[in-house]
N, C-alpha and C. Protein backbone atom coordinates (compact mmCIF):
# COMPACT_ATOMS: atom_id res chain seq x y z
N MET A 1 205.25 115.02 14.25
CA MET A 1 204.93 114.76 13.03
C MET A 1 206.48 115.07 12.03
N ASP A 2 207.87 114.37 12.40
CA ASP A 2 208.67 114.59 11.91
C ASP A 2 209.08 114.61 9.94
N VAL A 3 209.41 116.19 9.32
CA VAL A 3 208.95 116.10 7.84
C VAL A 3 210.25 116.34 7.43
N GLU A 4 211.31 116.40 6.96
CA GLU A 4 211.83 116.79 6.64
C GLU A 4 211.30 117.93 5.02
N LEU A 5 211.92 119.47 5.57
CA LEU A 5 211.71 121.14 4.69
C LEU A 5 211.89 120.83 3.61
N PRO A 6 212.03 120.28 2.13
CA PRO A 6 212.80 120.32 0.93
C PRO A 6 212.59 121.68 0.17
N PHE A 7 211.70 122.60 1.06
CA PHE A 7 211.88 123.93 0.17
C PHE A 7 212.46 125.46 1.32
N ARG A 8 212.21 126.45 0.19
CA ARG A 8 213.03 127.82 0.98
C ARG A 8 212.01 128.11 1.29
N TRP A 9 211.05 128.47 2.49
CA TRP A 9 209.48 129.91 2.68
C TRP A 9 210.52 131.21 2.90
N LYS A 10 210.78 131.04 2.48
CA LYS A 10 211.13 132.89 1.93
C LYS A 10 210.13 133.61 1.12
N GLY A 11 209.84 133.29 0.09
CA GLY A 11 208.58 133.86 -0.18
C GLY A 11 207.08 133.94 0.57
N LEU A 12 207.10 133.75 1.90
CA LEU A 12 205.25 133.52 2.87
C LEU A 12 205.66 134.76 3.36
N THR A 13 205.13 135.72 2.98
CA THR A 13 204.56 136.74 3.40
C THR A 13 203.04 137.00 3.49
N PHE A 14 203.22 136.24 5.16
CA PHE A 14 202.58 136.57 5.91
C PHE A 14 202.29 137.29 7.20
N LYS A 15 201.55 137.90 7.31
CA LYS A 15 201.12 138.57 8.93
C LYS A 15 201.47 138.26 9.75
N PRO A 16 202.44 137.87 10.94
CA PRO A 16 201.78 136.66 12.42
C PRO A 16 200.84 136.90 12.73
N TYR A 17 200.63 135.82 12.71
CA TYR A 17 199.10 136.18 13.80
C TYR A 17 199.02 136.28 15.03
N ASP A 18 198.27 137.25 16.18
CA ASP A 18 198.99 137.48 17.65
C ASP A 18 198.12 137.56 18.30
N GLY A 19 196.79 136.50 17.71
CA GLY A 19 195.64 135.96 18.54
C GLY A 19 194.35 137.31 18.10
N THR A 20 194.70 139.17 18.04
CA THR A 20 193.74 139.58 18.15
C THR A 20 193.11 139.76 16.90
N THR A 21 193.21 139.95 15.44
CA THR A 21 191.94 139.50 14.76
C THR A 21 191.72 138.13 14.04
N ASP A 22 190.78 137.81 12.96
CA ASP A 22 190.00 137.02 11.82
C ASP A 22 190.67 135.86 12.25
N PRO A 23 190.90 134.37 12.73
CA PRO A 23 191.48 133.27 12.33
C PRO A 23 191.27 132.97 11.18
N ASP A 24 190.09 132.20 11.10
CA ASP A 24 190.46 132.25 9.56
C ASP A 24 190.39 132.52 8.13
N GLU A 25 190.52 134.75 8.55
CA GLU A 25 192.07 135.21 7.25
C GLU A 25 192.79 134.69 7.57
N HIS A 26 193.32 134.29 8.64
CA HIS A 26 195.05 134.21 8.61
C HIS A 26 194.76 132.16 8.39
N ILE A 27 194.05 131.65 8.73
CA ILE A 27 194.41 130.12 8.04
C ILE A 27 194.47 131.24 6.56
N SER A 28 193.37 131.83 6.13
CA SER A 28 193.24 130.59 4.51
C SER A 28 194.48 131.66 3.97
N ILE A 29 194.96 132.96 4.69
CA ILE A 29 196.31 133.83 3.71
C ILE A 29 197.48 132.85 4.36
N PHE A 30 197.54 131.96 5.37
CA PHE A 30 198.73 130.36 5.35
C PHE A 30 198.69 129.80 4.35
N SER A 31 197.79 129.33 4.38
CA SER A 31 196.86 127.89 3.78
C SER A 31 197.31 128.26 2.27
N THR A 32 196.53 129.22 1.58
CA THR A 32 197.36 129.92 0.42
C THR A 32 197.57 129.92 0.13
N GLN A 33 199.22 130.78 0.78
CA GLN A 33 201.01 131.05 0.06
C GLN A 33 201.52 129.48 0.79
N VAL A 34 201.14 129.12 1.78
CA VAL A 34 201.79 127.51 1.50
C VAL A 34 201.63 126.90 -0.08
N SER A 35 200.30 126.67 0.21
CA SER A 35 200.28 125.78 -1.26
C SER A 35 200.94 126.21 -2.02
N LEU A 36 201.39 127.27 -2.64
CA LEU A 36 201.81 127.51 -3.99
C LEU A 36 203.75 126.70 -3.51
N TYR A 37 203.97 125.99 -2.49
CA TYR A 37 205.46 124.95 -2.36
C TYR A 37 205.45 123.88 -2.34
N SER A 38 203.70 123.58 -1.46
CA SER A 38 203.22 121.80 -0.69
C SER A 38 202.13 122.35 -1.09
N ASN A 39 201.56 120.83 -0.69
CA ASN A 39 200.34 120.01 -0.29
C ASN A 39 200.78 119.53 0.96
N HIS A 40 201.42 118.74 0.75
CA HIS A 40 201.92 118.16 1.87
C HIS A 40 201.20 118.63 3.26
N ASP A 41 200.28 117.66 4.17
CA ASP A 41 199.28 117.90 5.56
C ASP A 41 200.96 117.86 6.14
N ALA A 42 201.74 117.21 6.93
CA ALA A 42 202.40 117.16 7.36
C ALA A 42 203.47 118.90 7.55
N VAL A 43 204.11 119.01 5.49
CA VAL A 43 204.53 120.53 5.96
C VAL A 43 203.19 121.70 6.64
N PHE A 44 202.32 122.11 5.95
CA PHE A 44 201.75 122.56 6.62
C PHE A 44 201.64 122.50 8.30
N CYS A 45 201.85 122.00 9.21
CA CYS A 45 201.25 121.61 10.05
C CYS A 45 202.77 122.32 10.80
N ARG A 46 204.18 121.48 10.45
CA ARG A 46 205.95 121.77 10.71
C ARG A 46 205.40 123.74 10.51
N ILE A 47 205.16 123.64 9.59
CA ILE A 47 205.66 125.65 9.42
C ILE A 47 204.68 126.49 9.93
N PHE A 48 202.64 126.36 10.91
CA PHE A 48 202.25 127.02 11.33
C PHE A 48 203.21 127.12 12.63
N PRO A 49 203.23 126.89 13.27
CA PRO A 49 203.21 128.02 13.79
C PRO A 49 205.04 129.01 14.27
N THR A 50 205.84 129.55 12.18
CA THR A 50 206.31 130.16 12.47
C THR A 50 205.08 131.68 11.64
N SER A 51 204.15 130.64 11.17
CA SER A 51 203.20 132.22 11.45
C SER A 51 202.48 132.70 12.47
N LEU A 52 202.92 132.43 13.60
CA LEU A 52 202.56 133.11 15.36
C LEU A 52 203.43 133.44 15.68
N LYS A 53 202.79 134.44 16.92
CA LYS A 53 203.80 135.14 17.17
C LYS A 53 202.66 135.81 19.05
N GLY A 54 203.93 136.19 19.89
CA GLY A 54 202.76 136.93 20.80
C GLY A 54 201.94 135.23 21.70
N ALA A 55 200.14 135.02 21.97
CA ALA A 55 199.52 134.45 22.82
C ALA A 55 199.08 133.67 21.27
N ALA A 56 199.34 134.13 19.99
CA ALA A 56 199.32 132.24 19.30
C ALA A 56 199.67 132.00 19.25
N LEU A 57 201.18 131.79 19.57
CA LEU A 57 202.19 130.81 19.97
C LEU A 57 202.07 131.15 21.22
N SER A 58 201.55 130.95 22.70
CA SER A 58 202.10 130.58 23.38
C SER A 58 200.52 130.05 23.48
N TRP A 59 200.05 129.73 22.56
CA TRP A 59 198.64 128.98 22.54
C TRP A 59 199.21 127.92 21.94
N PHE A 60 199.94 127.88 20.96
CA PHE A 60 200.49 126.52 19.94
C PHE A 60 201.62 126.50 20.64
N SER A 61 202.39 126.41 21.03
CA SER A 61 203.60 125.67 22.55
C SER A 61 202.74 125.41 23.53
N SER A 62 202.00 125.95 23.75
CA SER A 62 200.90 124.51 24.79
C SER A 62 200.84 123.66 24.59
N LEU A 63 200.01 123.18 23.67
CA LEU A 63 199.70 121.39 23.13
C LEU A 63 200.58 121.08 23.08
N PRO A 64 199.70 120.48 23.92
CA PRO A 64 200.86 117.93 23.87
C PRO A 64 201.53 118.00 23.13
N PRO A 65 202.33 117.09 23.04
CA PRO A 65 203.02 116.56 22.08
C PRO A 65 202.40 115.81 21.71
N ASN A 66 202.53 115.21 20.51
CA ASN A 66 201.28 113.96 19.23
C ASN A 66 199.90 114.18 19.91
N SER A 67 199.36 116.08 19.55
CA SER A 67 198.21 116.43 20.31
C SER A 67 197.05 116.32 18.47
N ILE A 68 198.55 116.60 18.03
CA ILE A 68 197.53 116.74 16.25
C ILE A 68 198.07 115.65 15.54
N THR A 69 196.93 115.56 14.55
CA THR A 69 197.46 114.13 14.06
C THR A 69 196.96 115.01 12.76
N ASP A 70 196.68 115.71 12.29
CA ASP A 70 196.81 116.26 10.52
C ASP A 70 196.50 118.03 10.90
N PHE A 71 196.43 118.35 9.62
CA PHE A 71 195.98 120.21 9.23
C PHE A 71 194.53 120.26 10.26
N ASP A 72 193.98 120.19 8.87
CA ASP A 72 192.09 120.19 9.72
C ASP A 72 192.06 120.14 11.62
N MET A 73 192.65 119.08 12.43
CA MET A 73 192.80 119.29 13.66
C MET A 73 192.86 120.47 14.02
N LEU A 74 194.19 121.01 13.67
CA LEU A 74 195.30 121.82 13.79
C LEU A 74 194.23 123.63 13.43
N VAL A 75 193.75 123.12 12.32
CA VAL A 75 192.54 124.32 12.41
C VAL A 75 191.64 124.06 12.72
N ASP A 76 191.00 122.96 13.66
CA ASP A 76 189.77 123.06 14.64
C ASP A 76 190.22 124.10 15.81
N LYS A 77 191.28 123.17 16.09
CA LYS A 77 191.24 123.74 17.61
C LYS A 77 192.30 125.05 17.82
N PHE A 78 192.52 125.55 16.56
CA PHE A 78 192.76 126.93 16.04
C PHE A 78 192.01 127.39 16.79
N ASN A 79 190.47 127.66 15.26
CA ASN A 79 189.35 128.34 14.79
C ASN A 79 188.23 128.51 16.74
N ALA A 80 189.18 126.97 17.30
CA ALA A 80 188.02 127.27 18.39
C ALA A 80 188.81 128.01 19.13
N HIS A 81 189.73 127.70 20.00
CA HIS A 81 191.07 128.92 20.82
C HIS A 81 190.39 130.59 20.40
N PHE A 82 189.99 131.01 19.33
CA PHE A 82 190.45 132.25 19.02
C PHE A 82 189.03 132.25 18.41
N ALA A 83 188.60 131.47 18.71
CA ALA A 83 186.65 132.22 18.42
C ALA A 83 186.30 133.58 18.20
N THR A 84 186.74 134.33 19.81
CA THR A 84 186.17 135.43 20.49
C THR A 84 186.97 136.58 19.56
N SER A 85 188.28 136.40 18.57
CA SER A 85 188.86 137.17 17.84
C SER A 85 187.85 137.41 16.31
N LYS A 86 186.90 136.30 16.15
CA LYS A 86 186.37 136.39 15.15
C LYS A 86 185.54 137.50 14.42
N PRO A 87 185.44 138.60 13.27
CA PRO A 87 184.46 140.03 13.49
C PRO A 87 183.41 139.55 13.77
N HIS A 88 182.23 140.60 14.13
CA HIS A 88 180.84 140.18 13.35
C HIS A 88 179.89 140.35 12.42
N HIS A 89 179.25 140.24 12.08
CA HIS A 89 178.77 139.83 10.84
C HIS A 89 177.94 140.90 11.70
N ILE A 90 178.25 141.94 10.29
CA ILE A 90 176.32 142.62 10.16
C ILE A 90 175.99 142.73 9.20
N GLY A 91 174.26 143.34 9.42
CA GLY A 91 172.86 142.29 8.30
C GLY A 91 172.96 144.01 7.72
N SER A 92 172.20 143.67 7.60
CA SER A 92 171.91 144.61 5.72
C SER A 92 170.88 146.19 6.80
N ILE A 93 170.35 145.85 8.38
CA ILE A 93 169.68 147.00 8.98
C ILE A 93 171.08 147.34 9.39
N ALA A 94 172.03 146.94 8.98
CA ALA A 94 173.24 148.22 9.57
C ALA A 94 173.45 149.33 8.48
N LEU A 95 172.45 149.78 7.93
CA LEU A 95 172.87 150.42 6.79
C LEU A 95 171.40 151.57 7.32
N ILE A 96 171.08 151.29 8.03
CA ILE A 96 169.47 152.14 8.64
C ILE A 96 170.83 153.52 8.76
N ASN A 97 171.74 152.96 9.83
CA ASN A 97 172.34 154.61 10.49
C ASN A 97 172.94 155.25 8.90
N VAL A 98 173.31 154.50 7.98
CA VAL A 98 174.66 155.60 7.38
C VAL A 98 173.34 156.56 6.45
N ARG A 99 173.55 157.70 6.49
CA ARG A 99 172.34 159.01 6.27
C ARG A 99 173.90 160.45 5.89
N GLN A 100 173.50 159.72 4.57
CA GLN A 100 174.64 161.62 3.99
C GLN A 100 174.51 163.32 4.95
N GLU A 101 175.21 164.08 4.58
CA GLU A 101 175.61 165.19 6.26
C GLU A 101 175.30 165.61 5.40
N LYS A 102 174.79 166.14 5.47
CA LYS A 102 174.99 168.80 5.15
C LYS A 102 176.28 168.72 4.85
N GLY A 103 176.16 169.28 3.78
CA GLY A 103 177.68 169.35 2.70
C GLY A 103 178.69 168.39 2.57
N GLU A 104 177.75 167.31 2.90
CA GLU A 104 178.91 166.39 2.71
C GLU A 104 178.82 165.87 1.46
N SER A 105 179.83 165.48 0.38
CA SER A 105 179.74 165.28 -0.61
C SER A 105 179.46 163.96 -1.30
N LEU A 106 178.62 164.24 -2.30
CA LEU A 106 178.55 161.64 -3.00
C LEU A 106 179.33 161.03 -2.51
N ARG A 107 180.63 161.76 -3.27
CA ARG A 107 181.82 160.20 -3.52
C ARG A 107 182.51 160.15 -1.17
N ASN A 108 181.84 160.55 -1.33
CA ASN A 108 181.98 160.49 0.42
C ASN A 108 180.78 160.31 1.72
N ILE A 109 179.69 159.74 1.06
CA ILE A 109 178.66 159.08 0.58
C ILE A 109 178.88 157.35 0.46
N MET A 110 179.13 157.49 -1.02
CA MET A 110 179.31 156.34 -1.26
C MET A 110 180.22 155.64 -1.63
N GLU A 111 181.55 156.28 -0.60
CA GLU A 111 182.25 155.31 -0.33
C GLU A 111 182.45 154.90 0.99
N ARG A 112 181.43 155.55 1.74
CA ARG A 112 181.09 155.16 3.62
C ARG A 112 180.40 154.17 3.46
N PHE A 113 179.64 154.56 2.16
CA PHE A 113 177.86 153.43 1.95
C PHE A 113 178.81 151.94 1.34
N GLU A 114 179.76 152.13 0.20
CA GLU A 114 180.03 151.15 -0.18
C GLU A 114 181.04 149.72 0.53
N LYS A 115 182.30 150.46 1.72
CA LYS A 115 182.60 150.69 3.04
C LYS A 115 181.66 149.18 4.02
N LEU A 116 180.53 149.58 4.30
CA LEU A 116 179.73 149.32 4.24
C LEU A 116 178.54 147.76 4.17
N THR A 117 178.86 147.82 2.66
CA THR A 117 178.18 147.16 2.22
C THR A 117 179.42 145.82 1.99
N LEU A 118 180.16 146.34 1.83
CA LEU A 118 180.78 144.97 1.40
C LEU A 118 180.41 144.24 2.97
N ARG A 119 180.84 144.44 4.30
CA ARG A 119 180.31 144.03 4.92
C ARG A 119 179.95 142.95 5.68
N ILE A 120 179.04 143.05 4.51
CA ILE A 120 177.58 142.13 4.64
C ILE A 120 177.84 141.02 3.82
N LYS A 121 177.22 140.42 4.04
CA LYS A 121 177.29 139.24 3.00
C LYS A 121 175.78 138.88 2.87
N ASN A 122 175.78 139.00 1.39
CA ASN A 122 174.92 138.40 0.13
C ASN A 122 173.58 139.40 0.77
N LEU A 123 173.79 140.88 0.76
CA LEU A 123 173.77 141.88 0.23
C LEU A 123 172.36 141.73 -0.43
N ASP A 124 171.43 141.58 -0.60
CA ASP A 124 170.43 141.57 -1.81
C ASP A 124 170.57 142.77 -2.71
N LEU A 125 170.68 142.90 -4.51
CA LEU A 125 170.82 144.84 -4.79
C LEU A 125 169.38 146.21 -4.16
N ASN A 126 167.86 145.10 -4.65
CA ASN A 126 166.60 145.88 -3.97
C ASN A 126 167.10 146.47 -2.62
N VAL A 127 167.30 145.44 -1.52
CA VAL A 127 167.83 146.41 -0.18
C VAL A 127 168.68 147.33 -0.35
N THR A 128 170.18 147.33 -1.41
CA THR A 128 171.03 147.89 -1.58
C THR A 128 170.67 149.90 -1.71
N LEU A 129 169.77 149.35 -2.85
CA LEU A 129 169.10 150.82 -3.77
C LEU A 129 168.07 151.36 -2.35
N HIS A 130 167.52 150.61 -1.74
CA HIS A 130 166.54 150.87 -0.79
C HIS A 130 167.13 151.71 0.26
N HIS A 131 167.96 151.29 0.75
CA HIS A 131 169.51 152.22 2.06
C HIS A 131 169.72 153.39 1.09
N LEU A 132 170.13 152.90 -0.19
CA LEU A 132 171.05 153.61 -0.54
C LEU A 132 170.79 155.44 -1.40
N ILE A 133 168.85 155.37 -0.87
CA ILE A 133 168.22 156.44 -1.96
C ILE A 133 167.92 157.15 0.27
N THR A 134 167.53 155.80 1.07
CA THR A 134 167.32 156.53 1.75
C THR A 134 168.41 157.37 2.78
N ALA A 135 169.68 157.55 1.93
CA ALA A 135 170.60 157.75 3.12
C ALA A 135 170.69 159.12 2.11
N LEU A 136 170.75 159.09 1.14
CA LEU A 136 170.95 160.15 0.02
C LEU A 136 170.39 162.02 0.66
N ARG A 137 171.04 162.80 0.34
CA ARG A 137 170.21 164.12 1.15
C ARG A 137 169.41 164.42 -0.74
N PRO A 138 168.00 164.93 -0.77
CA PRO A 138 167.30 164.96 -2.12
C PRO A 138 168.63 166.12 -2.40
N GLY A 139 168.68 165.38 -4.56
CA GLY A 139 169.20 166.16 -5.28
C GLY A 139 169.39 164.71 -6.40
N PRO A 140 170.08 165.32 -7.76
CA PRO A 140 169.77 164.22 -9.01
C PRO A 140 170.39 163.83 -8.49
N PHE A 141 170.91 162.66 -8.02
CA PHE A 141 171.79 161.26 -8.28
C PHE A 141 170.39 160.14 -7.26
N ALA A 142 169.80 160.95 -6.06
CA ALA A 142 168.53 160.46 -5.36
C ALA A 142 167.51 160.37 -6.21
N ASN A 143 167.08 161.72 -6.94
CA ASN A 143 166.45 161.56 -7.68
C ASN A 143 166.55 160.73 -9.42
N ASN A 144 168.12 161.04 -9.30
CA ASN A 144 167.64 159.62 -10.86
C ASN A 144 167.49 157.71 -9.97
N LEU A 145 167.73 157.66 -9.51
CA LEU A 145 168.14 156.73 -9.26
C LEU A 145 166.08 155.84 -8.29
N CYS A 146 166.16 157.14 -8.17
CA CYS A 146 164.08 156.91 -7.75
C CYS A 146 163.83 156.57 -8.68
N LYS A 147 163.79 157.15 -10.08
CA LYS A 147 162.71 157.22 -11.59
C LYS A 147 163.61 155.82 -12.03
N LYS A 148 164.98 156.10 -11.52
CA LYS A 148 165.63 154.22 -12.68
C LYS A 148 165.88 153.55 -12.18
N PRO A 149 165.62 152.40 -11.03
CA PRO A 149 167.19 152.36 -10.37
C PRO A 149 167.61 151.36 -10.69
N ALA A 150 169.09 151.01 -10.93
CA ALA A 150 170.25 150.25 -11.18
C ALA A 150 169.41 149.07 -11.25
N LEU A 151 170.27 148.58 -12.81
CA LEU A 151 170.42 146.96 -12.28
C LEU A 151 171.13 146.29 -11.26
N ASP A 152 172.77 146.85 -11.78
CA ASP A 152 173.02 145.90 -11.14
C ASP A 152 174.23 147.30 -10.10
N LEU A 153 174.97 146.43 -9.48
CA LEU A 153 175.62 147.13 -8.60
C LEU A 153 177.01 148.03 -9.71
N ASP A 154 177.48 147.60 -10.62
CA ASP A 154 178.35 148.18 -11.62
C ASP A 154 177.45 148.95 -12.19
N GLU A 155 176.22 149.28 -12.64
CA GLU A 155 175.77 150.08 -13.13
C GLU A 155 175.43 150.86 -11.85
N LEU A 156 174.95 150.90 -10.86
CA LEU A 156 175.10 151.85 -9.91
C LEU A 156 176.24 152.39 -9.41
N ARG A 157 177.42 151.79 -9.54
CA ARG A 157 179.24 152.88 -9.61
C ARG A 157 178.93 153.70 -11.00
N ALA A 158 179.01 153.10 -11.89
CA ALA A 158 178.87 153.66 -13.02
C ALA A 158 178.01 155.22 -13.12
N ARG A 159 176.94 155.50 -12.37
CA ARG A 159 175.80 156.63 -12.33
C ARG A 159 176.36 157.12 -11.59
N ALA A 160 176.75 156.23 -9.97
CA ALA A 160 177.19 157.50 -9.21
C ALA A 160 178.51 157.98 -9.06
N ALA A 161 179.55 157.91 -10.15
CA ALA A 161 180.95 158.31 -10.55
C ALA A 161 179.85 159.80 -12.11
N LYS A 162 179.63 159.51 -11.96
CA LYS A 162 179.13 160.16 -13.77
C LYS A 162 178.12 161.47 -12.56
N PHE A 163 177.32 161.28 -11.24
CA PHE A 163 176.99 162.34 -10.54
C PHE A 163 178.10 162.97 -9.81
N MET A 164 179.15 162.10 -9.50
CA MET A 164 180.22 162.65 -8.46
C MET A 164 181.06 164.07 -9.52
N GLN A 165 181.29 163.84 -10.62
CA GLN A 165 182.33 164.15 -11.55
C GLN A 165 181.58 165.67 -11.87
N LEU A 166 180.16 165.50 -11.21
CA LEU A 166 179.19 166.42 -12.40
C LEU A 166 179.10 167.30 -10.68
N GLU A 167 178.93 167.17 -9.88
CA GLU A 167 179.07 167.35 -8.85
C GLU A 167 180.55 168.31 -8.11
N GLU A 168 181.52 167.73 -9.19
CA GLU A 168 182.99 167.93 -8.21
C GLU A 168 183.22 169.35 -9.23
N LEU A 169 182.57 169.19 -10.69
CA LEU A 169 183.42 170.30 -11.46
C LEU A 169 182.48 171.01 -10.47
N ARG A 170 180.95 170.92 -10.55
CA ARG A 170 180.43 172.15 -10.04
C ARG A 170 181.21 173.03 -8.94
N GLU A 171 182.15 171.66 -7.75
CA GLU A 171 181.98 172.41 -6.72
C GLU A 171 184.10 173.94 -7.12
N PHE A 172 183.82 172.96 -7.96
CA PHE A 172 184.62 173.46 -8.45
C PHE A 172 185.03 175.07 -9.31
N ARG A 173 184.15 174.70 -9.69
CA ARG A 173 183.41 176.30 -10.96
C ARG A 173 183.24 177.67 -9.34
N ASN A 174 182.98 176.82 -9.15
CA ASN A 174 182.48 177.62 -7.42
C ASN A 174 183.44 177.79 -6.85
N GLN A 175 184.51 177.52 -6.62
CA GLN A 175 185.38 178.39 -5.51
C GLN A 175 186.43 179.14 -6.83
N ALA A 176 186.31 178.96 -8.26
CA ALA A 176 186.76 179.42 -8.34
C ALA A 176 186.32 180.89 -9.22
């Protein structure tokens, strides 16, 4: 694919892919940035090797000449080769292991819980609430959630924020 590149590519700001992280994420970042400058398949193919380093660049360099006909084919080969670098998807069952430790603040448990829920695809609100209530140590926030479950995640976060502020104010007063 011989194509003249009519653009300056200095605006591209992605970390070169070395084969150790999620290949889908790299393709997504690469495609998003290059599509700001061009939508030509040949341009995507010509620029792609500049987004690689280490083992990924070695893999690309070992492809037989003229063996790639379009960017979709390149993506398919790339994903197949680096499939073992894709992250393992977790399910809602992983939330069972989250527990608020003795003395752990509500803010800390909520941050840990939310970080884990972000990794779970299509997580149902009722499942989230159930696991959160069982993860929390008995206290005002857990009681509040039991009495009146949150209608959505925004409400859950807003209510948690209020209880975090109360907890932090109480801690501040105890120290003072």
